[in-house]
C-alpha atoms as a PDB file:
ATOM      1  CA  MET A   1      -9.879 -16.527  17.296  1.00  0.00           C
ATOM      2  CA  SER A   2     -12.399 -13.782  17.668  1.00  0.00           C
ATOM      3  CA  ASP A   3     -10.281 -11.055  18.018  1.00  0.00           C
ATOM      4  CA  ILE A   4      -8.496 -12.290  14.456  1.00  0.00           C
ATOM      5  CA  SER A   5     -11.743 -12.320  12.498  1.00  0.00           C
ATOM      6  CA  HIS A   6     -12.691  -9.097  13.921  1.00  0.00           C
ATOM      7  CA  THR A   7      -9.389  -7.663  12.640  1.00  0.00           C
ATOM      8  CA  ASP A   8      -9.482  -8.999   9.843  1.00  0.00           C
ATOM      9  CA  SER A   9     -12.820  -8.184   9.122  1.00  0.00           C
ATOM     10  CA  ILE A  10     -11.931  -4.051   9.673  1.00  0.00           C
ATOM     11  CA  ALA A  11      -9.092  -4.488   7.535  1.00  0.00           C
ATOM     12  CA  VAL A  12     -11.219  -5.485   4.387  1.00  0.00           C
ATOM     13  CA  SER A  13     -13.619  -2.866   5.452  1.00  0.00           C
ATOM     14  CA  LEU A  14     -10.868  -0.680   5.403  1.00  0.00           C
ATOM     15  CA  ALA A  15      -9.023  -1.698   2.335  1.00  0.00           C
ATOM     16  CA  GLU A  16      -9.826   0.020  -0.756  1.00  0.00           C
ATOM     17  CA  PRO A  17     -10.264  -1.708  -4.197  1.00  0.00           C
ATOM     18  CA  ARG A  18      -6.241   0.163  -4.999  1.00  0.00           C
ATOM     19  CA  ASP A  19      -5.311  -2.366  -2.401  1.00  0.00           C
ATOM     20  CA  PHE A  20      -5.898  -5.058  -3.286  1.00  0.00           C
ATOM     21  CA  ILE A  21      -4.281  -4.265  -6.889  1.00  0.00           C
ATOM     22  CA  ALA A  22      -1.052  -3.459  -5.284  1.00  0.00           C
ATOM     23  CA  LEU A  23      -1.266  -6.435  -3.611  1.00  0.00           C
ATOM     24  CA  MET A  24      -0.949  -7.725  -7.271  1.00  0.00           C
ATOM     25  CA  LYS A  25       2.129  -5.804  -7.219  1.00  0.00           C
ATOM     26  CA  PRO A  26       1.585  -4.043 -10.443  1.00  0.00           C
ATOM     27  CA  ARG A  27       3.983  -3.401 -11.961  1.00  0.00           C
ATOM     28  CA  VAL A  28       5.919  -6.564 -12.105  1.00  0.00           C
ATOM     29  CA  MET A  29       3.145  -7.732 -13.733  1.00  0.00           C
ATOM     30  CA  SER A  30       3.123  -5.239 -15.972  1.00  0.00           C
ATOM     31  CA  LEU A  31       6.934  -7.008 -16.576  1.00  0.00           C
ATOM     32  CA  VAL A  32       5.793 -10.010 -16.753  1.00  0.00           C
ATOM     33  CA  VAL A  33       2.304  -9.958 -19.723  1.00  0.00           C
ATOM     34  CA  PHE A  34       4.597  -8.553 -21.963  1.00  0.00           C
ATOM     35  CA  THR A  35       7.549 -10.589 -21.731  1.00  0.00           C
ATOM     36  CA  ALA A  36       4.833 -13.842 -22.407  1.00  0.00           C
ATOM     37  CA  LEU A  37       2.736 -11.382 -24.879  1.00  0.00           C
ATOM     38  CA  VAL A  38       6.183 -11.470 -26.343  1.00  0.00           C
ATOM     39  CA  GLY A  39       6.040 -15.569 -25.998  1.00  0.00           C
ATOM     40  CA  LEU A  40       3.646 -16.482 -27.236  1.00  0.00           C
ATOM     41  CA  VAL A  41       3.621 -13.615 -30.270  1.00  0.00           C
ATOM     42  CA  ALA A  42       6.793 -15.554 -31.480  1.00  0.00           C
ATOM     43  CA  ALA A  43       6.252 -18.558 -31.260  1.00  0.00           C
ATOM     44  CA  PRO A  44       6.050 -20.564 -34.788  1.00  0.00           C
ATOM     45  CA  VAL A  45       2.928 -21.628 -34.396  1.00  0.00           C
ATOM     46  CA  ALA A  46      -0.393 -19.264 -34.676  1.00  0.00           C
ATOM     47  CA  MET A  47      -2.830 -18.997 -31.959  1.00  0.00           C
ATOM     48  CA  ASN A  48      -6.261 -17.957 -32.011  1.00  0.00           C
ATOM     49  CA  PRO A  49      -6.485 -14.476 -31.475  1.00  0.00           C
ATOM     50  CA  VAL A  50      -9.307 -14.637 -28.408  1.00  0.00           C
ATOM     51  CA  LEU A  51      -7.793 -17.798 -26.984  1.00  0.00           C
ATOM     52  CA  ALA A  52      -4.569 -16.083 -26.588  1.00  0.00           C
ATOM     53  CA  LEU A  53      -5.995 -12.964 -24.932  1.00  0.00           C
ATOM     54  CA  VAL A  54      -7.244 -15.151 -22.790  1.00  0.00           C
ATOM     55  CA  SER A  55      -4.164 -17.090 -22.157  1.00  0.00           C
ATOM     56  CA  VAL A  56      -2.384 -13.442 -21.572  1.00  0.00           C
ATOM     57  CA  PHE A  57      -5.052 -13.101 -19.232  1.00  0.00           C
ATOM     58  CA  ALA A  58      -4.617 -16.494 -17.072  1.00  0.00           C
ATOM     59  CA  ILE A  59      -0.881 -15.220 -17.341  1.00  0.00           C
ATOM     60  CA  ALA A  60      -1.630 -11.687 -16.029  1.00  0.00           C
ATOM     61  CA  LEU A  61      -4.290 -13.436 -13.169  1.00  0.00           C
ATOM     62  CA  GLY A  62      -1.160 -16.002 -12.282  1.00  0.00           C
ATOM     63  CA  ALA A  63       1.758 -13.435 -11.938  1.00  0.00           C
ATOM     64  CA  GLY A  64      -0.898 -11.051  -9.420  1.00  0.00           C
ATOM     65  CA  ALA A  65      -1.259 -14.016  -7.339  1.00  0.00           C
ATOM     66  CA  ALA A  66       2.468 -14.081  -7.194  1.00  0.00           C
ATOM     67  CA  GLY A  67       2.583 -11.004  -6.026  1.00  0.00           C
ATOM     68  CA  VAL A  68      -0.568 -11.786  -3.280  1.00  0.00           C
ATOM     69  CA  LEU A  69       1.391 -14.446  -1.917  1.00  0.00           C
ATOM     70  CA  ASN A  70       4.504 -13.418  -1.948  1.00  0.00           C
ATOM     71  CA  MET A  71       3.390  -9.889   0.092  1.00  0.00           C
ATOM     72  CA  TRP A  72       0.878 -11.897   2.568  1.00  0.00           C
ATOM     73  CA  TYR A  73       4.227 -14.108   3.593  1.00  0.00           C
ATOM     74  CA  ASP A  74       6.600 -11.296   3.129  1.00  0.00           C
ATOM     75  CA  ALA A  75       4.286  -8.877   5.613  1.00  0.00           C
ATOM     76  CA  ASP A  76       6.674  -9.094   8.645  1.00  0.00           C
ATOM     77  CA  ILE A  77       9.474  -7.719   6.787  1.00  0.00           C
ATOM     78  CA  ASP A  78       7.950  -5.249   4.139  1.00  0.00           C
ATOM     79  CA  ALA A  79       6.374  -3.644   7.964  1.00  0.00           C
ATOM     80  CA  GLN A  80      10.665  -3.337   8.320  1.00  0.00           C
ATOM     81  CA  MET A  81      12.028  -1.742   5.478  1.00  0.00           C
ATOM     82  CA  ARG A  82      11.978   1.857   3.748  1.00  0.00           C
ATOM     83  CA  ARG A  83      10.725   0.713   0.868  1.00  0.00           C
ATOM     84  CA  THR A  84       7.828  -1.760   1.173  1.00  0.00           C
ATOM     85  CA  ARG A  85       6.614  -0.450   4.338  1.00  0.00           C
ATOM     86  CA  LEU A  86       3.585   1.087   3.414  1.00  0.00           C
ATOM     87  CA  ARG A  87       1.786  -2.571   1.187  1.00  0.00           C
ATOM     88  CA  PRO A  88      -1.169  -2.407   2.123  1.00  0.00           C
ATOM     89  CA  ILE A  89      -0.640  -5.443   4.940  1.00  0.00           C
ATOM     90  CA  PRO A  90       2.235  -3.839   7.050  1.00  0.00           C
ATOM     91  CA  ALA A  91       0.161  -0.577   6.360  1.00  0.00           C
ATOM     92  CA  GLY A  92      -2.581  -2.160   8.237  1.00  0.00           C
ATOM     93  CA  ARG A  93      -5.292  -1.360   4.979  1.00  0.00           C
ATOM     94  CA  VAL A  94      -5.455  -5.248   4.497  1.00  0.00           C
ATOM     95  CA  ALA A  95      -5.739  -8.196   6.978  1.00  0.00           C
ATOM     96  CA  PRO A  96      -3.465 -10.973   6.561  1.00  0.00           C
ATOM     97  CA  GLY A  97      -6.587 -13.837   6.121  1.00  0.00           C
ATOM     98  CA  PRO A  98      -8.190 -11.698   3.225  1.00  0.00           C
ATOM     99  CA  ALA A  99      -5.000 -11.661   1.601  1.00  0.00           C
ATOM    100  CA  LEU A 100      -4.283 -14.852   1.446  1.00  0.00           C
ATOM    101  CA  GLY A 101      -7.687 -15.896   0.272  1.00  0.00           C
ATOM    102  CA  PHE A 102      -7.393 -13.921  -2.517  1.00  0.00           C
ATOM    103  CA  GLY A 103      -3.945 -14.797  -4.082  1.00  0.00           C
ATOM    104  CA  LEU A 104      -5.276 -18.582  -3.057  1.00  0.00           C
ATOM    105  CA  VAL A 105      -8.617 -17.605  -5.834  1.00  0.00           C
ATOM    106  CA  MET A 106      -6.020 -16.395  -8.337  1.00  0.00           C
ATOM    107  CA  ALA A 107      -3.708 -18.496  -8.527  1.00  0.00           C
ATOM    108  CA  THR A 108      -7.082 -21.292  -8.462  1.00  0.00           C
ATOM    109  CA  ILE A 109      -8.530 -19.364 -12.059  1.00  0.00           C
ATOM    110  CA  ALA A 110      -5.520 -18.617 -13.745  1.00  0.00           C
ATOM    111  CA  VAL A 111      -4.474 -22.210 -14.482  1.00  0.00           C
ATOM    112  CA  VAL A 112      -8.039 -23.670 -14.476  1.00  0.00           C
ATOM    113  CA  ILE A 113      -8.264 -20.774 -16.947  1.00  0.00           C
ATOM    114  CA  MET A 114      -4.996 -21.075 -19.200  1.00  0.00           C
ATOM    115  CA  GLY A 115      -6.256 -24.657 -19.189  1.00  0.00           C
ATOM    116  CA  ALA A 116      -8.778 -23.706 -21.021  1.00  0.00           C
ATOM    117  CA  ALA A 117      -7.649 -21.848 -23.420  1.00  0.00           C
ATOM    118  CA  ALA A 118      -4.671 -22.866 -23.961  1.00  0.00           C
ATOM    119  CA  ASN A 119      -3.457 -26.380 -23.108  1.00  0.00           C
ATOM    120  CA  TYR A 120      -2.744 -29.092 -20.055  1.00  0.00           C
ATOM    121  CA  LEU A 121       1.040 -28.415 -20.704  1.00  0.00           C
ATOM    122  CA  ALA A 122       0.787 -24.382 -19.772  1.00  0.00           C
ATOM    123  CA  ALA A 123      -1.554 -24.157 -17.180  1.00  0.00           C
ATOM    124  CA  GLY A 124       1.129 -27.137 -15.197  1.00  0.00           C
ATOM    125  CA  LEU A 125       3.399 -24.842 -15.670  1.00  0.00           C
ATOM    126  CA  LEU A 126       2.106 -21.937 -15.084  1.00  0.00           C
ATOM    127  CA  ALA A 127       0.147 -23.430 -11.423  1.00  0.00           C
ATOM    128  CA  PHE A 128       4.292 -24.524 -11.768  1.00  0.00           C
ATOM    129  CA  THR A 129       5.763 -20.800 -11.414  1.00  0.00           C
ATOM    130  CA  ILE A 130       3.457 -19.459  -8.927  1.00  0.00           C
ATOM    131  CA  PHE A 131       4.356 -22.281  -6.353  1.00  0.00           C
ATOM    132  CA  PHE A 132       7.376 -21.577  -6.929  1.00  0.00           C
ATOM    133  CA  TYR A 133       8.157 -18.420  -6.418  1.00  0.00           C
ATOM    134  CA  MET A 134       5.802 -18.492  -3.432  1.00  0.00           C
ATOM    135  CA  VAL A 135       7.033 -21.977  -2.083  1.00  0.00           C
ATOM    136  CA  ILE A 136      10.279 -21.896  -3.458  1.00  0.00           C
ATOM    137  CA  TYR A 137      11.323 -18.347  -3.409  1.00  0.00           C
ATOM    138  CA  THR A 138       9.594 -16.868  -0.836  1.00  0.00           C
ATOM    139  CA  MET A 139       9.798 -18.523   1.216  1.00  0.00           C
ATOM    140  CA  GLY A 140      11.816 -21.315   1.523  1.00  0.00           C
ATOM    141  CA  LEU A 141      15.352 -19.528  -0.595  1.00  0.00           C
ATOM    142  CA  LYS A 142      14.565 -15.450   0.520  1.00  0.00           C
ATOM    143  CA  ARG A 143      15.359 -15.604   4.056  1.00  0.00           C
ATOM    144  CA  ARG A 144      17.996 -18.302   4.425  1.00  0.00           C
ATOM    145  CA  THR A 145      20.949 -18.008   1.440  1.00  0.00           C
ATOM    146  CA  ALA A 146      22.551 -15.766  -0.248  1.00  0.00           C
ATOM    147  CA  HIS A 147      21.775 -17.518  -4.104  1.00  0.00           C
ATOM    148  CA  ASN A 148      17.938 -16.185  -2.949  1.00  0.00           C
ATOM    149  CA  ILE A 149      18.027 -13.552  -6.601  1.00  0.00           C
ATOM    150  CA  VAL A 150      20.032 -16.614  -8.394  1.00  0.00           C
ATOM    151  CA  ILE A 151      17.962 -19.200  -8.202  1.00  0.00           C
ATOM    152  CA  GLY A 152      14.303 -17.418  -7.255  1.00  0.00           C
ATOM    153  CA  GLY A 153      15.054 -15.889 -10.312  1.00  0.00           C
ATOM    154  CA  ALA A 154      13.251 -18.598 -13.052  1.00  0.00           C
ATOM    155  CA  ALA A 155       9.783 -17.312 -11.704  1.00  0.00           C
ATOM    156  CA  GLY A 156       9.945 -14.811 -13.353  1.00  0.00           C
ATOM    157  CA  ALA A 157      11.282 -16.342 -16.549  1.00  0.00           C
ATOM    158  CA  PHE A 158       9.057 -18.326 -16.876  1.00  0.00           C
ATOM    159  CA  PRO A 159       6.580 -16.115 -18.399  1.00  0.00           C
ATOM    160  CA  PRO A 160       7.366 -15.930 -21.410  1.00  0.00           C
ATOM    161  CA  MET A 161       8.010 -19.978 -21.902  1.00  0.00           C
ATOM    162  CA  ILE A 162       4.070 -20.490 -20.557  1.00  0.00           C
ATOM    163  CA  GLY A 163       3.315 -18.013 -23.277  1.00  0.00           C
ATOM    164  CA  TRP A 164       5.203 -20.138 -25.866  1.00  0.00           C
ATOM    165  CA  ILE A 165       3.220 -23.729 -24.458  1.00  0.00           C
ATOM    166  CA  ALA A 166       1.157 -21.857 -24.515  1.00  0.00           C
ATOM    167  CA  ALA A 167       0.864 -21.238 -28.813  1.00  0.00           C
ATOM    168  CA  THR A 168       2.843 -24.322 -29.482  1.00  0.00           C
ATOM    169  CA  GLY A 169       1.721 -26.855 -26.470  1.00  0.00           C
ATOM    170  CA  SER A 170       6.159 -27.251 -26.866  1.00  0.00           C
ATOM    171  CA  VAL A 171       9.383 -26.748 -25.309  1.00  0.00           C
ATOM    172  CA  ASP A 172      12.001 -26.024 -27.862  1.00  0.00           C
ATOM    173  CA  LEU A 173      15.724 -23.855 -27.698  1.00  0.00           C
ATOM    174  CA  ASP A 174      13.968 -20.806 -28.031  1.00  0.00           C
ATOM    175  CA  ALA A 175      11.771 -20.506 -25.729  1.00  0.00           C
ATOM    176  CA  VAL A 176      14.113 -22.222 -23.429  1.00  0.00           C
ATOM    177  CA  LEU A 177      16.977 -19.209 -24.516  1.00  0.00           C
ATOM    178  CA  LEU A 178      13.752 -16.510 -23.238  1.00  0.00           C
ATOM    179  CA  PHE A 179      14.129 -17.908 -20.544  1.00  0.00           C
ATOM    180  CA  ALA A 180      17.554 -17.884 -19.639  1.00  0.00           C
ATOM    181  CA  ILE A 181      17.702 -14.370 -21.001  1.00  0.00           C
ATOM    182  CA  ILE A 182      15.550 -13.826 -17.835  1.00  0.00           C
ATOM    183  CA  PHE A 183      16.682 -15.846 -15.682  1.00  0.00           C
ATOM    184  CA  LEU A 184      20.521 -14.279 -16.329  1.00  0.00           C
ATOM    185  CA  TRP A 185      19.002 -10.727 -16.301  1.00  0.00           C
ATOM    186  CA  THR A 186      17.339 -10.996 -13.218  1.00  0.00           C
ATOM    187  CA  PRO A 187      20.394 -10.768 -10.107  1.00  0.00           C
ATOM    188  CA  PRO A 188      22.435  -7.937 -11.689  1.00  0.00           C
ATOM    189  CA  HIS A 189      19.129  -6.019 -12.030  1.00  0.00           C
ATOM    190  CA  PHE A 190      18.290  -7.242  -8.177  1.00  0.00           C
ATOM    191  CA  TRP A 191      21.199  -6.710  -7.407  1.00  0.00           C
ATOM    192  CA  ALA A 192      22.097  -2.772  -8.814  1.00  0.00           C
ATOM    193  CA  LEU A 193      18.930  -2.498  -6.308  1.00  0.00           C
ATOM    194  CA  ALA A 194      20.343  -4.158  -3.563  1.00  0.00           C
ATOM    195  CA  LEU A 195      23.498  -2.231  -3.535  1.00  0.00           C
ATOM    196  CA  TYR A 196      22.163   0.671  -2.600  1.00  0.00           C
ATOM    197  CA  LYS A 197      19.346  -0.268  -0.090  1.00  0.00           C
ATOM    198  CA  ALA A 198      21.504  -2.907   1.611  1.00  0.00           C
ATOM    199  CA  GLY A 199      20.691  -1.301   5.153  1.00  0.00           C
ATOM    200  CA  ASP A 200      17.323  -2.388   4.291  1.00  0.00           C
ATOM    201  CA  TYR A 201      17.449  -5.593   3.779  1.00  0.00           C
ATOM    202  CA  GLU A 202      20.320  -5.948   6.822  1.00  0.00           C
ATOM    203  CA  LYS A 203      17.796  -4.672   8.668  1.00  0.00           C
ATOM    204  CA  ALA A 204      15.010  -7.006   7.726  1.00  0.00           C
ATOM    205  CA  GLY A 205      16.871 -10.452   8.121  1.00  0.00           C
ATOM    206  CA  VAL A 206      17.619 -10.798   4.370  1.00  0.00           C
ATOM    207  CA  PRO A 207      20.872 -12.019   3.482  1.00  0.00           C
ATOM    208  CA  MET A 208      20.894 -10.557  -0.095  1.00  0.00           C
ATOM    209  CA  LEU A 209      24.353 -10.607  -2.319  1.00  0.00           C
ATOM    210  CA  PRO A 210      25.980  -7.184  -0.397  1.00  0.00           C
ATOM    211  CA  VAL A 211      24.359  -8.319   3.321  1.00  0.00           C
ATOM    212  CA  VAL A 212      26.526 -11.161   3.284  1.00  0.00           C
ATOM    213  CA  ARG A 213      29.995 -11.178   0.802  1.00  0.00           C
ATOM    214  CA  GLY A 214      29.684  -7.616   1.410  1.00  0.00           C
ATOM    215  CA  ALA A 215      29.784  -4.137  -1.768  1.00  0.00           C
ATOM    216  CA  GLN A 216      32.915  -5.718  -4.059  1.00  0.00           C
ATOM    217  CA  VAL A 217      31.946  -9.135  -4.594  1.00  0.00           C
ATOM    218  CA  THR A 218      28.304  -7.959  -5.480  1.00  0.00           C
ATOM    219  CA  ARG A 219      30.153  -5.778  -7.623  1.00  0.00           C
ATOM    220  CA  ILE A 220      31.783  -8.278  -9.331  1.00  0.00           C
ATOM    221  CA  GLN A 221      28.866 -10.715  -9.656  1.00  0.00           C
ATOM    222  CA  ILE A 222      27.406  -8.134 -11.640  1.00  0.00           C
ATOM    223  CA  VAL A 223      29.546  -7.407 -14.074  1.00  0.00           C
ATOM    224  CA  LEU A 224      30.049 -11.355 -14.413  1.00  0.00           C
ATOM    225  CA  TYR A 225      26.503 -11.817 -14.504  1.00  0.00           C
ATOM    226  CA  SER A 226      25.911  -9.484 -16.880  1.00  0.00           C
ATOM    227  CA  VAL A 227      28.545  -9.931 -19.024  1.00  0.00           C
ATOM    228  CA  LEU A 228      26.621 -14.359 -19.618  1.00  0.00           C
ATOM    229  CA  LEU A 229      23.626 -12.489 -20.065  1.00  0.00           C
ATOM    230  CA  GLY A 230      24.990  -9.948 -23.027  1.00  0.00           C
ATOM    231  CA  ALA A 231      26.103 -13.169 -25.003  1.00  0.00           C
ATOM    232  CA  VAL A 232      23.121 -15.678 -24.312  1.00  0.00           C
ATOM    233  CA  THR A 233      20.832 -12.463 -24.837  1.00  0.00           C
ATOM    234  CA  LEU A 234      22.696 -12.838 -28.554  1.00  0.00           C
ATOM    235  CA  MET A 235      21.971 -16.316 -29.567  1.00  0.00           C
ATOM    236  CA  PRO A 236      18.467 -16.355 -30.393  1.00  0.00           C
ATOM    237  CA  VAL A 237      20.336 -14.578 -33.545  1.00  0.00           C
ATOM    238  CA  LEU A 238      21.744 -18.146 -33.979  1.00  0.00           C
ATOM    239  CA  THR A 239      18.844 -19.813 -33.554  1.00  0.00           C
ATOM    240  CA  GLY A 240      17.083 -17.884 -35.999  1.00  0.00           C
ATOM    241  CA  LEU A 241      14.633 -16.059 -33.436  1.00  0.00           C
ATOM    242  CA  GLY A 242      16.200 -12.775 -33.256  1.00  0.00           C
ATOM    243  CA  GLY A 243      16.159 -10.729 -36.475  1.00  0.00           C
ATOM    244  CA  TRP A 244      18.046  -8.205 -38.124  1.00  0.00           C
ATOM    245  CA  LEU A 245      16.257  -5.778 -35.566  1.00  0.00           C
ATOM    246  CA  TYR A 246      17.002  -7.851 -32.572  1.00  0.00           C
ATOM    247  CA  ALA A 247      20.343  -8.121 -32.849  1.00  0.00           C
ATOM    248  CA  THR A 248      21.283  -4.400 -33.481  1.00  0.00           C
ATOM    249  CA  VAL A 249      18.732  -3.736 -30.754  1.00  0.00           C
ATOM    250  CA  GLY A 250      20.173  -7.166 -28.280  1.00  0.00           C
ATOM    251  CA  ALA A 251      24.126  -6.171 -29.304  1.00  0.00           C
ATOM    252  CA  LEU A 252      23.873  -1.920 -28.728  1.00  0.00           C
ATOM    253  CA  SER A 253      21.525  -2.378 -25.444  1.00  0.00           C
ATOM    254  CA  SER A 254      23.864  -5.685 -23.610  1.00  0.00           C
ATOM    255  CA  VAL A 255      26.807  -3.187 -24.503  1.00  0.00           C
ATOM    256  CA  ALA A 256      25.630  -0.298 -22.307  1.00  0.00           C
ATOM    257  CA  PHE A 257      25.143  -2.787 -19.596  1.00  0.00           C
ATOM    258  CA  ILE A 258      28.126  -4.288 -19.570  1.00  0.00           C
ATOM    259  CA  LEU A 259      29.656  -0.830 -19.310  1.00  0.00           C
ATOM    260  CA  LEU A 260      27.275   0.315 -16.220  1.00  0.00           C
ATOM    261  CA  ALA A 261      28.160  -3.060 -15.123  1.00  0.00           C
ATOM    262  CA  VAL A 262      31.406  -1.904 -15.146  1.00  0.00           C
ATOM    263  CA  ARG A 263      31.385   1.587 -13.702  1.00  0.00           C
ATOM    264  CA  VAL A 264      29.279  -0.350 -11.027  1.00  0.00           C
ATOM    265  CA  ALA A 265      32.661  -2.172 -10.360  1.00  0.00           C
ATOM    266  CA  PHE A 266      34.589   0.416 -10.721  1.00  0.00           C
ATOM    267  CA  SER A 267      32.202   2.394  -8.100  1.00  0.00           C
ATOM    268  CA  ARG A 268      32.046   2.780  -4.299  1.00  0.00           C
ATOM    269  CA  ALA A 269      28.231   1.909  -4.595  1.00  0.00           C
ATOM    270  CA  GLY A 270      27.741  -0.165  -2.214  1.00  0.00           C
ATOM    271  CA  ASP A 271      30.080   0.296   0.293  1.00  0.00           C
ATOM    272  CA  SER A 272      28.282   2.515   3.064  1.00  0.00           C
ATOM    273  CA  GLY A 273      26.056   0.232   3.425  1.00  0.00           C
ATOM    274  CA  GLU A 274      22.680   1.880   4.364  1.00  0.00           C
ATOM    275  CA  THR A 275      19.964   3.461   3.338  1.00  0.00           C
ATOM    276  CA  ILE A 276      18.777   7.744   3.633  1.00  0.00           C
ATOM    277  CA  ALA A 277      15.476   7.049   1.698  1.00  0.00           C
ATOM    278  CA  ALA A 278      12.441   5.230   0.453  1.00  0.00           C
ATOM    279  CA  ALA A 279      11.976   6.375  -2.783  1.00  0.00           C
ATOM    280  CA  LEU A 280      13.264   3.769  -5.204  1.00  0.00           C
ATOM    281  CA  TYR A 281      15.643   6.087  -6.915  1.00  0.00           C
ATOM    282  CA  ASP A 282      17.380   7.992  -3.970  1.00  0.00           C
ATOM    283  CA  VAL A 283      20.249   7.046  -2.761  1.00  0.00           C
ATOM    284  CA  ARG A 284      23.721   8.948  -2.178  1.00  0.00           C
ATOM    285  CA  LYS A 285      25.639   9.569  -3.827  1.00  0.00           C
ATOM    286  CA  GLY A 286      28.576   6.772  -4.760  1.00  0.00           C
ATOM    287  CA  ASP A 287      25.036   4.645  -5.092  1.00  0.00           C
ATOM    288  CA  LYS A 288      24.707   6.202  -8.474  1.00  0.00           C
ATOM    289  CA  ALA A 289      26.454   3.555 -10.312  1.00  0.00           C
ATOM    290  CA  ALA A 290      24.278   1.352  -9.180  1.00  0.00           C
ATOM    291  CA  ARG A 291      20.657   3.246  -9.189  1.00  0.00           C
ATOM    292  CA  ASP A 292      20.912   3.713 -12.979  1.00  0.00           C
ATOM    293  CA  LEU A 293      22.166   0.064 -13.777  1.00  0.00           C
ATOM    294  CA  PHE A 294      18.811  -0.398 -12.116  1.00  0.00           C
ATOM    295  CA  GLY A 295      17.275   1.170 -13.725  1.00  0.00           C
ATOM    296  CA  PHE A 296      18.572   0.525 -17.317  1.00  0.00           C
ATOM    297  CA  SER A 297      18.153  -2.684 -16.428  1.00  0.00           C
ATOM    298  CA  ILE A 298      14.282  -2.753 -16.763  1.00  0.00           C
ATOM    299  CA  LEU A 299      14.532  -0.943 -20.200  1.00  0.00           C
ATOM    300  CA  TYR A 300      16.924  -3.400 -21.277  1.00  0.00           C
ATOM    301  CA  LEU A 301      14.849  -5.976 -20.858  1.00  0.00           C
ATOM    302  CA  PHE A 302      11.358  -4.311 -22.243  1.00  0.00           C
ATOM    303  CA  ALA A 303      14.073  -3.267 -25.480  1.00  0.00           C
ATOM    304  CA  VAL A 304      15.143  -7.025 -26.261  1.00  0.00           C
ATOM    305  CA  PHE A 305      12.095  -8.357 -26.347  1.00  0.00           C
ATOM    306  CA  ALA A 306      10.094  -5.253 -27.550  1.00  0.00           C
ATOM    307  CA  ALA A 307      12.232  -6.050 -31.026  1.00  0.00           C
ATOM    308  CA  LEU A 308      11.299  -9.557 -30.350  1.00  0.00           C
ATOM    309  CA  LEU A 309       7.965  -8.285 -30.408  1.00  0.00           C
ATOM    310  CA  ALA A 310       8.463  -5.759 -33.267  1.00  0.00           C
ATOM    311  CA  GLU A 311       9.817  -8.439 -35.765  1.00  0.00           C
ATOM    312  CA  HIS A 312       7.293 -11.528 -35.277  1.00  0.00           C
ATOM    313  CA  GLY A 313       4.454  -9.240 -33.749  1.00  0.00           C
ATOM    314  CA  LEU A 314       4.479  -6.769 -37.107  1.00  0.00           C
ATOM    315  CA  GLY A 315       6.650  -8.792 -39.771  1.00  0.00           C
ATOM    316  CA  LEU A 316       9.405  -6.631 -39.751  1.00  0.00           C
ATOM    317  CA  HIS A 317      11.452 -10.537 -39.304  1.00  0.00           C
ATOM    318  CA  LEU A 318      14.524  -9.642 -41.241  1.00  0.00           C
ATOM    319  CA  ALA A 319      16.774 -12.893 -41.198  1.00  0.00           C
ATOM    320  CA  THR A 320      20.842 -11.726 -40.489  1.00  0.00           C
ATOM    321  CA  PRO A 321      23.567 -14.542 -41.883  1.00  0.00           C
ATOM    322  CA  PHE A 322      24.153 -16.062 -38.387  1.00  0.00           C
ATOM    323  CA  LYS A 323      21.777 -18.829 -37.647  1.00  0.00           C
ATOM    324  CA  LEU A 324      23.553 -22.414 -37.434  1.00  0.00           C
ATOM    325  CA  ALA A 325      21.745 -25.031 -38.679  1.00  0.00           C
ATOM    326  CA  GLY A 326      20.054 -27.294 -36.578  1.00  0.00           C
ATOM    327  CA  LEU A 327      19.026 -24.125 -34.020  1.00  0.00           C
ATOM    328  CA  GLY A 328      16.289 -22.831 -33.557  1.00  0.00           C
ATOM    329  CA  SER A 329      12.477 -23.755 -35.026  1.00  0.00           C
END
């Protein structure tokens, strides 16, 4: 026990603030915060600006905590993958013990702040989201099933719903649609990455779809989910949540997404089953279609949610004639 404590203390002494920030997965956290902010702003109830900022901060803290706990548990497989082996824990800059403590403290503070600033329903969903990502996805699904991303994607889809609930105190169809967009976006986004990083996942024993079912099946699934994503992305227009700006951005982005997915389907992405470099976008020639879809998918989610933010936050919402009676807020 003393040796373990001594090792932890050495790792902590070597750690820099940026190492603990890296544990929080800042790029992922920024996307989570952005979608949560959109959910809060698009909600039909105006929230006190100060409490709204505090609520968004709580969501950011909760997302960071989930990232820390994920890196703590996955340190063993991170050490085997080229893309993740330089993360703070496998690289030895932060010891597992302090990382776990850091994540648990952050998670607790995030939930308490959300409860105080917004309401207990938002705080409860934030707590469940952290639990879902850490226990259900990271500990339960990720190493056991090729459906890990499909089911586990719910964790990343909850933030806009949390923002919505923080403002309204309730859930309605529009909040569910914001959840559904991210939920359906997650599989093609991550499977595109998995196609050209399959060698890493196989080496680490993570049963991603290309590893378990092969590249061809994965490419077909990407197209199917992309079509579903496009359809659901346009549904906020029918509820009245999205106006002309959202309809235009959503339609054009969805068409581009589907075309890129079809391009992946007709490519040889993932056929080699090898990973050539640690860099996120370095790929073999045959994998470029998957890389392009992965890169565009990030832009897609940002564009769709930015359109909603512009409409509801900047007063640019202009209703379309397509709203169906009885739908939406």
